[in-house]
Amino acid sequence: IHRLLQLLPLISERERATAAARFLARPVHNLSEKDQKTYTSEILAVLAHPDFAELFGPNSRSEVPVTGRLGSHVVAGQVDRLVVQQDRVIIVDYKSNRPPPADISDVPRIYMRQMAAYRAVLHPVFPERSIDCALLWTDVPYLMALPGELLDGYFEHLDA
């Protein structure tokens, strides 16, 4: 799912279904026909969703490496989708949990720490822009905004 969300936005809309089906049918994925169809449908629904258009538009990039320091801790990761706009930056991580959590309080702590770390590391890179984070639950599809004040609390106790 991650790989197709990286590649399919680069392909014309009318060719996406065929490209996704071809990719998922590869023996290396070992997917049943049913799973192939389910995943293709899920991915195409994400890409066609009007609320997500800016996430896959011309100001967005996929699989962006992120590296930096938070206190004495080194953060190294890869942002699934990064959108850079004039006044803000959007960091999106894809999650395919089934079913996804309905409430932000049920999001696994590790996901929250991951997004908080990405946000903290990218803040000095984009000091004049707000940095918004969200999880894109591909199964629904649903974009869950992660409030900055909630994410800020994840690194209060790091050494300086």
N, C-alpha and C. Protein backbone atom coordinates (compact mmCIF):
# COMPACT_ATOMS: atom_id res chain seq x y z
N ILE A 1 0.84 -1.19 0.00
CA ILE A 1 0.00 0.00 0.00
C ILE A 1 0.88 1.25 0.00
N HIS A 2 1.89 1.27 0.87
CA HIS A 2 2.79 2.42 0.92
C HIS A 2 3.46 2.65 -0.43
N ARG A 3 3.95 1.60 -1.00
CA ARG A 3 4.68 1.73 -2.27
C ARG A 3 3.76 2.25 -3.38
N LEU A 4 2.55 1.76 -3.43
CA LEU A 4 1.62 2.23 -4.46
C LEU A 4 1.18 3.67 -4.22
N LEU A 5 1.06 4.07 -2.96
CA LEU A 5 0.73 5.47 -2.67
C LEU A 5 1.90 6.39 -3.01
N GLN A 6 3.07 5.82 -3.10
CA GLN A 6 4.25 6.58 -3.54
C GLN A 6 4.27 6.69 -5.06
N LEU A 7 3.97 5.59 -5.75
CA LEU A 7 4.15 5.54 -7.20
C LEU A 7 2.94 5.99 -8.02
N LEU A 8 1.74 5.64 -7.60
CA LEU A 8 0.57 5.90 -8.43
C LEU A 8 0.27 7.38 -8.68
N PRO A 9 0.55 8.29 -7.74
CA PRO A 9 0.30 9.70 -8.06
C PRO A 9 1.11 10.20 -9.26
N LEU A 10 2.16 9.49 -9.61
CA LEU A 10 3.00 9.88 -10.75
C LEU A 10 2.43 9.38 -12.08
N ILE A 11 1.38 8.56 -12.00
CA ILE A 11 0.77 7.93 -13.18
C ILE A 11 -0.59 8.59 -13.44
N SER A 12 -0.98 8.68 -14.69
CA SER A 12 -2.28 9.28 -15.01
C SER A 12 -3.39 8.50 -14.32
N GLU A 13 -4.45 9.21 -13.96
CA GLU A 13 -5.57 8.59 -13.24
C GLU A 13 -6.15 7.39 -13.97
N ARG A 14 -6.25 7.47 -15.28
CA ARG A 14 -6.88 6.38 -16.02
C ARG A 14 -6.02 5.12 -16.06
N GLU A 15 -4.73 5.24 -15.77
CA GLU A 15 -3.83 4.07 -15.79
C GLU A 15 -3.57 3.50 -14.40
N ARG A 16 -4.06 4.15 -13.36
CA ARG A 16 -3.72 3.74 -11.98
C ARG A 16 -4.25 2.36 -11.62
N ALA A 17 -5.48 2.08 -11.97
CA ALA A 17 -6.07 0.79 -11.60
C ALA A 17 -5.29 -0.36 -12.22
N THR A 18 -4.94 -0.23 -13.48
CA THR A 18 -4.18 -1.27 -14.16
C THR A 18 -2.79 -1.42 -13.54
N ALA A 19 -2.14 -0.29 -13.27
CA ALA A 19 -0.79 -0.34 -12.68
C ALA A 19 -0.84 -0.97 -11.29
N ALA A 20 -1.84 -0.61 -10.49
CA ALA A 20 -1.96 -1.18 -9.15
C ALA A 20 -2.21 -2.68 -9.22
N ALA A 21 -3.11 -3.09 -10.09
CA ALA A 21 -3.42 -4.52 -10.22
C ALA A 21 -2.18 -5.31 -10.66
N ARG A 22 -1.44 -4.76 -11.61
CA ARG A 22 -0.23 -5.42 -12.09
C ARG A 22 0.81 -5.54 -10.96
N PHE A 23 0.98 -4.48 -10.20
CA PHE A 23 1.95 -4.47 -9.10
C PHE A 23 1.57 -5.49 -8.03
N LEU A 24 0.30 -5.49 -7.63
CA LEU A 24 -0.14 -6.38 -6.55
C LEU A 24 -0.21 -7.84 -6.98
N ALA A 25 -0.29 -8.11 -8.27
CA ALA A 25 -0.35 -9.49 -8.77
C ALA A 25 1.02 -10.16 -8.78
N ARG A 26 2.07 -9.41 -8.57
CA ARG A 26 3.41 -10.00 -8.59
C ARG A 26 3.50 -11.12 -7.54
N PRO A 27 4.10 -12.23 -7.92
CA PRO A 27 4.22 -13.36 -6.99
C PRO A 27 4.92 -13.02 -5.67
N VAL A 28 5.83 -12.08 -5.70
CA VAL A 28 6.57 -11.72 -4.49
C VAL A 28 5.63 -11.23 -3.38
N HIS A 29 4.47 -10.66 -3.73
CA HIS A 29 3.54 -10.15 -2.74
C HIS A 29 2.68 -11.25 -2.11
N ASN A 30 2.55 -12.37 -2.81
CA ASN A 30 1.81 -13.52 -2.30
C ASN A 30 0.41 -13.13 -1.79
N LEU A 31 -0.30 -12.37 -2.60
CA LEU A 31 -1.64 -11.92 -2.24
C LEU A 31 -2.70 -12.71 -3.00
N SER A 32 -3.78 -13.03 -2.33
CA SER A 32 -4.90 -13.68 -3.00
C SER A 32 -5.54 -12.68 -3.96
N GLU A 33 -6.32 -13.18 -4.89
CA GLU A 33 -7.03 -12.29 -5.82
C GLU A 33 -7.94 -11.32 -5.06
N LYS A 34 -8.58 -11.84 -4.03
CA LYS A 34 -9.46 -11.01 -3.21
C LYS A 34 -8.68 -9.87 -2.56
N ASP A 35 -7.52 -10.19 -1.96
CA ASP A 35 -6.70 -9.15 -1.32
C ASP A 35 -6.18 -8.15 -2.35
N GLN A 36 -5.81 -8.63 -3.51
CA GLN A 36 -5.35 -7.72 -4.56
C GLN A 36 -6.44 -6.71 -4.91
N LYS A 37 -7.65 -7.20 -5.07
CA LYS A 37 -8.77 -6.31 -5.41
C LYS A 37 -9.08 -5.35 -4.26
N THR A 38 -9.04 -5.87 -3.04
CA THR A 38 -9.31 -5.03 -1.86
C THR A 38 -8.28 -3.92 -1.77
N TYR A 39 -7.01 -4.26 -1.90
CA TYR A 39 -5.95 -3.24 -1.78
C TYR A 39 -6.00 -2.24 -2.93
N THR A 40 -6.27 -2.72 -4.13
CA THR A 40 -6.38 -1.80 -5.27
C THR A 40 -7.52 -0.81 -5.03
N SER A 41 -8.63 -1.31 -4.59
CA SER A 41 -9.79 -0.46 -4.31
C SER A 41 -9.46 0.56 -3.21
N GLU A 42 -8.80 0.09 -2.17
CA GLU A 42 -8.42 0.96 -1.04
C GLU A 42 -7.49 2.08 -1.49
N ILE A 43 -6.49 1.74 -2.25
CA ILE A 43 -5.51 2.72 -2.72
C ILE A 43 -6.15 3.73 -3.66
N LEU A 44 -6.95 3.25 -4.59
CA LEU A 44 -7.60 4.16 -5.53
C LEU A 44 -8.59 5.08 -4.82
N ALA A 45 -9.24 4.59 -3.77
CA ALA A 45 -10.15 5.44 -2.99
C ALA A 45 -9.38 6.56 -2.28
N VAL A 46 -8.22 6.25 -1.77
CA VAL A 46 -7.39 7.27 -1.12
C VAL A 46 -6.99 8.33 -2.14
N LEU A 47 -6.49 7.90 -3.29
CA LEU A 47 -6.00 8.84 -4.30
C LEU A 47 -7.12 9.67 -4.92
N ALA A 48 -8.34 9.13 -4.97
CA ALA A 48 -9.46 9.85 -5.58
C ALA A 48 -10.20 10.74 -4.59
N HIS A 49 -9.93 10.58 -3.32
CA HIS A 49 -10.67 11.33 -2.30
C HIS A 49 -10.35 12.82 -2.41
N PRO A 50 -11.36 13.65 -2.61
CA PRO A 50 -11.11 15.09 -2.82
C PRO A 50 -10.44 15.77 -1.62
N ASP A 51 -10.68 15.28 -0.41
CA ASP A 51 -10.07 15.89 0.77
C ASP A 51 -8.56 15.66 0.84
N PHE A 52 -8.06 14.72 0.05
CA PHE A 52 -6.63 14.39 0.09
C PHE A 52 -5.87 14.93 -1.11
N ALA A 53 -6.52 15.70 -1.95
CA ALA A 53 -5.91 16.17 -3.20
C ALA A 53 -4.57 16.86 -2.97
N GLU A 54 -4.48 17.75 -1.96
CA GLU A 54 -3.23 18.47 -1.73
C GLU A 54 -2.10 17.53 -1.27
N LEU A 55 -2.47 16.41 -0.66
CA LEU A 55 -1.45 15.47 -0.19
C LEU A 55 -0.72 14.80 -1.35
N PHE A 56 -1.37 14.72 -2.49
CA PHE A 56 -0.78 14.06 -3.65
C PHE A 56 -0.56 15.03 -4.80
N GLY A 57 -0.61 16.31 -4.51
CA GLY A 57 -0.48 17.35 -5.53
C GLY A 57 0.97 17.73 -5.80
N PRO A 58 1.16 18.79 -6.57
CA PRO A 58 2.49 19.19 -7.01
C PRO A 58 3.42 19.69 -5.90
N ASN A 59 2.87 20.10 -4.76
CA ASN A 59 3.71 20.57 -3.65
C ASN A 59 4.04 19.46 -2.67
N SER A 60 3.79 18.23 -3.06
CA SER A 60 4.01 17.11 -2.15
C SER A 60 5.15 16.22 -2.65
N ARG A 61 5.74 15.54 -1.71
CA ARG A 61 6.80 14.58 -2.00
C ARG A 61 6.56 13.32 -1.18
N SER A 62 6.97 12.19 -1.72
CA SER A 62 6.81 10.93 -0.99
C SER A 62 8.16 10.43 -0.50
N GLU A 63 8.09 9.67 0.58
CA GLU A 63 9.26 9.00 1.14
C GLU A 63 10.43 9.97 1.35
N VAL A 64 10.18 11.00 2.12
CA VAL A 64 11.20 12.03 2.37
C VAL A 64 12.01 11.64 3.61
N PRO A 65 13.34 11.48 3.46
CA PRO A 65 14.17 11.16 4.62
C PRO A 65 14.22 12.34 5.59
N VAL A 66 14.15 12.02 6.87
CA VAL A 66 14.20 13.03 7.93
C VAL A 66 15.25 12.58 8.95
N THR A 67 16.19 13.48 9.22
CA THR A 67 17.23 13.18 10.19
C THR A 67 17.51 14.43 11.01
N GLY A 68 17.69 14.24 12.30
CA GLY A 68 18.00 15.38 13.15
C GLY A 68 18.22 14.94 14.58
N ARG A 69 18.48 15.92 15.43
CA ARG A 69 18.72 15.64 16.84
C ARG A 69 17.62 16.27 17.68
N LEU A 70 17.22 15.52 18.68
CA LEU A 70 16.33 16.03 19.73
C LEU A 70 17.07 15.80 21.04
N GLY A 71 17.66 16.86 21.55
CA GLY A 71 18.54 16.70 22.71
C GLY A 71 19.72 15.84 22.29
N SER A 72 19.99 14.80 23.04
CA SER A 72 21.09 13.90 22.68
C SER A 72 20.61 12.71 21.84
N HIS A 73 19.35 12.72 21.48
CA HIS A 73 18.77 11.62 20.70
C HIS A 73 18.79 11.96 19.20
N VAL A 74 19.18 10.97 18.41
CA VAL A 74 19.17 11.12 16.96
C VAL A 74 17.87 10.54 16.42
N VAL A 75 17.23 11.32 15.56
CA VAL A 75 16.00 10.87 14.91
C VAL A 75 16.33 10.63 13.44
N ALA A 76 15.99 9.47 12.95
CA ALA A 76 16.15 9.15 11.54
C ALA A 76 14.92 8.39 11.10
N GLY A 77 14.29 8.88 10.07
CA GLY A 77 13.09 8.22 9.59
C GLY A 77 12.76 8.64 8.18
N GLN A 78 11.60 8.25 7.76
CA GLN A 78 11.15 8.55 6.41
C GLN A 78 9.68 8.96 6.47
N VAL A 79 9.39 10.18 6.05
CA VAL A 79 8.03 10.69 6.02
C VAL A 79 7.34 10.12 4.79
N ASP A 80 6.18 9.51 5.00
CA ASP A 80 5.45 8.93 3.87
C ASP A 80 5.04 10.00 2.86
N ARG A 81 4.54 11.13 3.36
CA ARG A 81 4.14 12.21 2.46
C ARG A 81 4.43 13.54 3.14
N LEU A 82 5.09 14.43 2.43
CA LEU A 82 5.42 15.76 2.94
C LEU A 82 4.89 16.78 1.95
N VAL A 83 4.08 17.69 2.47
CA VAL A 83 3.51 18.75 1.64
C VAL A 83 4.08 20.07 2.15
N VAL A 84 4.73 20.81 1.27
CA VAL A 84 5.31 22.10 1.66
C VAL A 84 4.53 23.20 0.95
N GLN A 85 3.86 24.00 1.76
CA GLN A 85 3.10 25.14 1.24
C GLN A 85 3.76 26.43 1.73
N GLN A 86 3.29 27.54 1.24
CA GLN A 86 3.90 28.82 1.57
C GLN A 86 3.88 29.10 3.07
N ASP A 87 2.78 28.75 3.74
CA ASP A 87 2.65 29.09 5.15
C ASP A 87 2.66 27.89 6.09
N ARG A 88 2.65 26.69 5.55
CA ARG A 88 2.66 25.50 6.42
C ARG A 88 3.25 24.29 5.73
N VAL A 89 3.59 23.32 6.57
CA VAL A 89 4.11 22.03 6.12
C VAL A 89 3.18 20.97 6.70
N ILE A 90 2.86 19.97 5.89
CA ILE A 90 2.01 18.88 6.35
C ILE A 90 2.82 17.58 6.28
N ILE A 91 2.87 16.88 7.40
CA ILE A 91 3.55 15.59 7.48
C ILE A 91 2.46 14.52 7.61
N VAL A 92 2.48 13.56 6.70
CA VAL A 92 1.46 12.50 6.72
C VAL A 92 2.15 11.15 6.77
N ASP A 93 1.64 10.29 7.63
CA ASP A 93 2.12 8.92 7.68
C ASP A 93 0.94 8.00 7.39
N TYR A 94 1.14 7.04 6.50
CA TYR A 94 0.08 6.10 6.15
C TYR A 94 0.04 4.98 7.18
N LYS A 95 -1.17 4.62 7.56
CA LYS A 95 -1.37 3.49 8.46
C LYS A 95 -2.47 2.62 7.88
N SER A 96 -2.25 1.32 7.88
CA SER A 96 -3.22 0.41 7.29
C SER A 96 -3.84 -0.52 8.35
N ASN A 97 -3.82 -0.10 9.61
CA ASN A 97 -4.44 -0.89 10.68
C ASN A 97 -5.90 -1.18 10.32
N ARG A 98 -6.34 -2.39 10.64
CA ARG A 98 -7.71 -2.79 10.37
C ARG A 98 -8.33 -3.35 11.63
N PRO A 99 -9.34 -2.74 12.15
CA PRO A 99 -9.85 -1.41 11.81
C PRO A 99 -8.97 -0.34 12.44
N PRO A 100 -9.01 0.86 11.88
CA PRO A 100 -8.23 1.95 12.46
C PRO A 100 -8.90 2.46 13.73
N PRO A 101 -8.14 3.09 14.61
CA PRO A 101 -8.77 3.66 15.81
C PRO A 101 -9.74 4.77 15.44
N ALA A 102 -10.86 4.82 16.12
CA ALA A 102 -11.87 5.85 15.84
C ALA A 102 -11.54 7.15 16.56
N ASP A 103 -10.78 7.05 17.63
CA ASP A 103 -10.48 8.22 18.44
C ASP A 103 -8.96 8.39 18.57
N ILE A 104 -8.54 9.63 18.62
CA ILE A 104 -7.11 9.91 18.71
C ILE A 104 -6.48 9.32 19.97
N SER A 105 -7.28 9.18 21.02
CA SER A 105 -6.75 8.62 22.27
C SER A 105 -6.42 7.13 22.12
N ASP A 106 -6.92 6.50 21.07
CA ASP A 106 -6.64 5.08 20.84
C ASP A 106 -5.49 4.84 19.85
N VAL A 107 -4.88 5.91 19.36
CA VAL A 107 -3.75 5.78 18.44
C VAL A 107 -2.56 5.24 19.24
N PRO A 108 -1.90 4.20 18.74
CA PRO A 108 -0.75 3.67 19.47
C PRO A 108 0.29 4.76 19.76
N ARG A 109 0.81 4.73 20.96
CA ARG A 109 1.78 5.73 21.43
C ARG A 109 2.98 5.83 20.48
N ILE A 110 3.42 4.72 19.95
CA ILE A 110 4.58 4.73 19.06
C ILE A 110 4.32 5.59 17.82
N TYR A 111 3.10 5.59 17.31
CA TYR A 111 2.76 6.44 16.16
C TYR A 111 2.82 7.91 16.55
N MET A 112 2.32 8.21 17.74
CA MET A 112 2.33 9.60 18.20
C MET A 112 3.76 10.09 18.41
N ARG A 113 4.60 9.26 18.99
CA ARG A 113 6.01 9.64 19.19
C ARG A 113 6.71 9.83 17.85
N GLN A 114 6.43 8.96 16.89
CA GLN A 114 7.02 9.06 15.56
C GLN A 114 6.69 10.41 14.93
N MET A 115 5.42 10.77 14.95
CA MET A 115 5.00 12.02 14.33
C MET A 115 5.52 13.23 15.09
N ALA A 116 5.55 13.13 16.41
CA ALA A 116 6.10 14.22 17.23
C ALA A 116 7.57 14.44 16.92
N ALA A 117 8.30 13.34 16.72
CA ALA A 117 9.73 13.45 16.40
C ALA A 117 9.93 14.09 15.03
N TYR A 118 9.18 13.65 14.04
CA TYR A 118 9.29 14.25 12.71
C TYR A 118 8.99 15.75 12.77
N ARG A 119 7.94 16.11 13.49
CA ARG A 119 7.54 17.51 13.61
C ARG A 119 8.65 18.33 14.27
N ALA A 120 9.21 17.80 15.35
CA ALA A 120 10.26 18.52 16.08
C ALA A 120 11.52 18.69 15.23
N VAL A 121 11.88 17.67 14.48
CA VAL A 121 13.08 17.72 13.65
C VAL A 121 12.89 18.68 12.47
N LEU A 122 11.69 18.73 11.92
CA LEU A 122 11.46 19.59 10.76
C LEU A 122 11.19 21.05 11.13
N HIS A 123 10.86 21.31 12.39
CA HIS A 123 10.58 22.69 12.80
C HIS A 123 11.74 23.65 12.49
N PRO A 124 12.99 23.32 12.80
CA PRO A 124 14.09 24.24 12.47
C PRO A 124 14.31 24.40 10.96
N VAL A 125 13.89 23.44 10.17
CA VAL A 125 14.04 23.52 8.72
C VAL A 125 13.02 24.50 8.14
N PHE A 126 11.85 24.57 8.77
CA PHE A 126 10.77 25.45 8.31
C PHE A 126 10.31 26.34 9.47
N PRO A 127 11.19 27.19 9.98
CA PRO A 127 10.88 27.95 11.21
C PRO A 127 9.73 28.94 11.07
N GLU A 128 9.45 29.40 9.88
CA GLU A 128 8.40 30.41 9.68
C GLU A 128 7.05 29.79 9.30
N ARG A 129 6.99 28.47 9.28
CA ARG A 129 5.75 27.80 8.85
C ARG A 129 5.21 26.94 9.98
N SER A 130 3.90 26.82 10.02
CA SER A 130 3.31 25.87 10.97
C SER A 130 3.55 24.47 10.40
N ILE A 131 3.68 23.52 11.28
CA ILE A 131 3.89 22.14 10.85
C ILE A 131 2.74 21.30 11.41
N ASP A 132 1.93 20.81 10.48
CA ASP A 132 0.77 20.00 10.84
C ASP A 132 1.06 18.54 10.55
N CYS A 133 0.57 17.68 11.42
CA CYS A 133 0.78 16.25 11.24
C CYS A 133 -0.56 15.53 11.18
N ALA A 134 -0.57 14.44 10.43
CA ALA A 134 -1.79 13.64 10.32
C ALA A 134 -1.43 12.20 10.00
N LEU A 135 -2.32 11.31 10.39
CA LEU A 135 -2.22 9.91 10.02
C LEU A 135 -3.31 9.64 8.99
N LEU A 136 -2.93 9.02 7.90
CA LEU A 136 -3.90 8.66 6.87
C LEU A 136 -4.19 7.17 7.01
N TRP A 137 -5.36 6.88 7.56
CA TRP A 137 -5.80 5.49 7.74
C TRP A 137 -6.36 5.02 6.40
N THR A 138 -5.64 4.16 5.72
CA THR A 138 -5.98 3.80 4.35
C THR A 138 -7.22 2.92 4.25
N ASP A 139 -7.53 2.19 5.29
CA ASP A 139 -8.65 1.26 5.24
C ASP A 139 -10.00 1.97 5.12
N VAL A 140 -10.10 3.21 5.61
CA VAL A 140 -11.40 3.86 5.69
C VAL A 140 -11.77 4.61 4.41
N PRO A 141 -11.08 5.47 3.76
CA PRO A 141 -9.91 6.22 4.20
C PRO A 141 -10.30 7.43 5.05
N TYR A 142 -9.39 7.76 5.98
CA TYR A 142 -9.66 8.83 6.93
C TYR A 142 -8.34 9.50 7.30
N LEU A 143 -8.32 10.83 7.23
CA LEU A 143 -7.15 11.61 7.61
C LEU A 143 -7.38 12.13 9.01
N MET A 144 -6.58 11.64 9.96
CA MET A 144 -6.71 12.03 11.36
C MET A 144 -5.66 13.07 11.70
N ALA A 145 -6.10 14.30 11.92
CA ALA A 145 -5.19 15.37 12.30
C ALA A 145 -4.68 15.11 13.71
N LEU A 146 -3.39 15.39 13.92
CA LEU A 146 -2.77 15.24 15.23
C LEU A 146 -2.42 16.64 15.75
N PRO A 147 -3.15 17.13 16.73
CA PRO A 147 -2.92 18.50 17.21
C PRO A 147 -1.48 18.71 17.69
N GLY A 148 -0.91 19.84 17.30
CA GLY A 148 0.47 20.16 17.68
C GLY A 148 0.68 20.16 19.17
N GLU A 149 -0.29 20.70 19.93
CA GLU A 149 -0.12 20.75 21.39
C GLU A 149 -0.08 19.35 21.99
N LEU A 150 -0.75 18.40 21.37
CA LEU A 150 -0.70 17.02 21.83
C LEU A 150 0.67 16.41 21.52
N LEU A 151 1.17 16.66 20.31
CA LEU A 151 2.48 16.12 19.92
C LEU A 151 3.62 16.75 20.71
N ASP A 152 3.49 18.03 21.04
CA ASP A 152 4.55 18.71 21.79
C ASP A 152 4.86 18.02 23.11
N GLY A 153 3.88 17.41 23.72
CA GLY A 153 4.08 16.76 25.01
C GLY A 153 4.93 15.50 24.97
N TYR A 154 5.22 14.99 23.80
CA TYR A 154 5.97 13.74 23.72
C TYR A 154 7.46 13.90 23.96
N PHE A 155 7.99 15.12 23.89
CA PHE A 155 9.43 15.30 24.05
C PHE A 155 9.79 16.33 25.12
N GLU A 156 8.86 16.54 26.07
CA GLU A 156 9.11 17.51 27.14
C GLU A 156 10.30 17.13 28.02
N HIS A 157 10.52 15.85 28.19
CA HIS A 157 11.49 15.40 29.19
C HIS A 157 12.82 14.95 28.60
N LEU A 158 13.05 15.25 27.33
CA LEU A 158 14.35 14.91 26.75
C LEU A 158 15.42 15.83 27.32
N ASP A 159 16.62 15.31 27.42
CA ASP A 159 17.72 16.16 27.88
C ASP A 159 18.01 17.23 26.84
N ALA A 160 18.52 18.34 27.26
CA ALA A 160 18.78 19.47 26.35
C ALA A 160 20.03 19.24 25.54
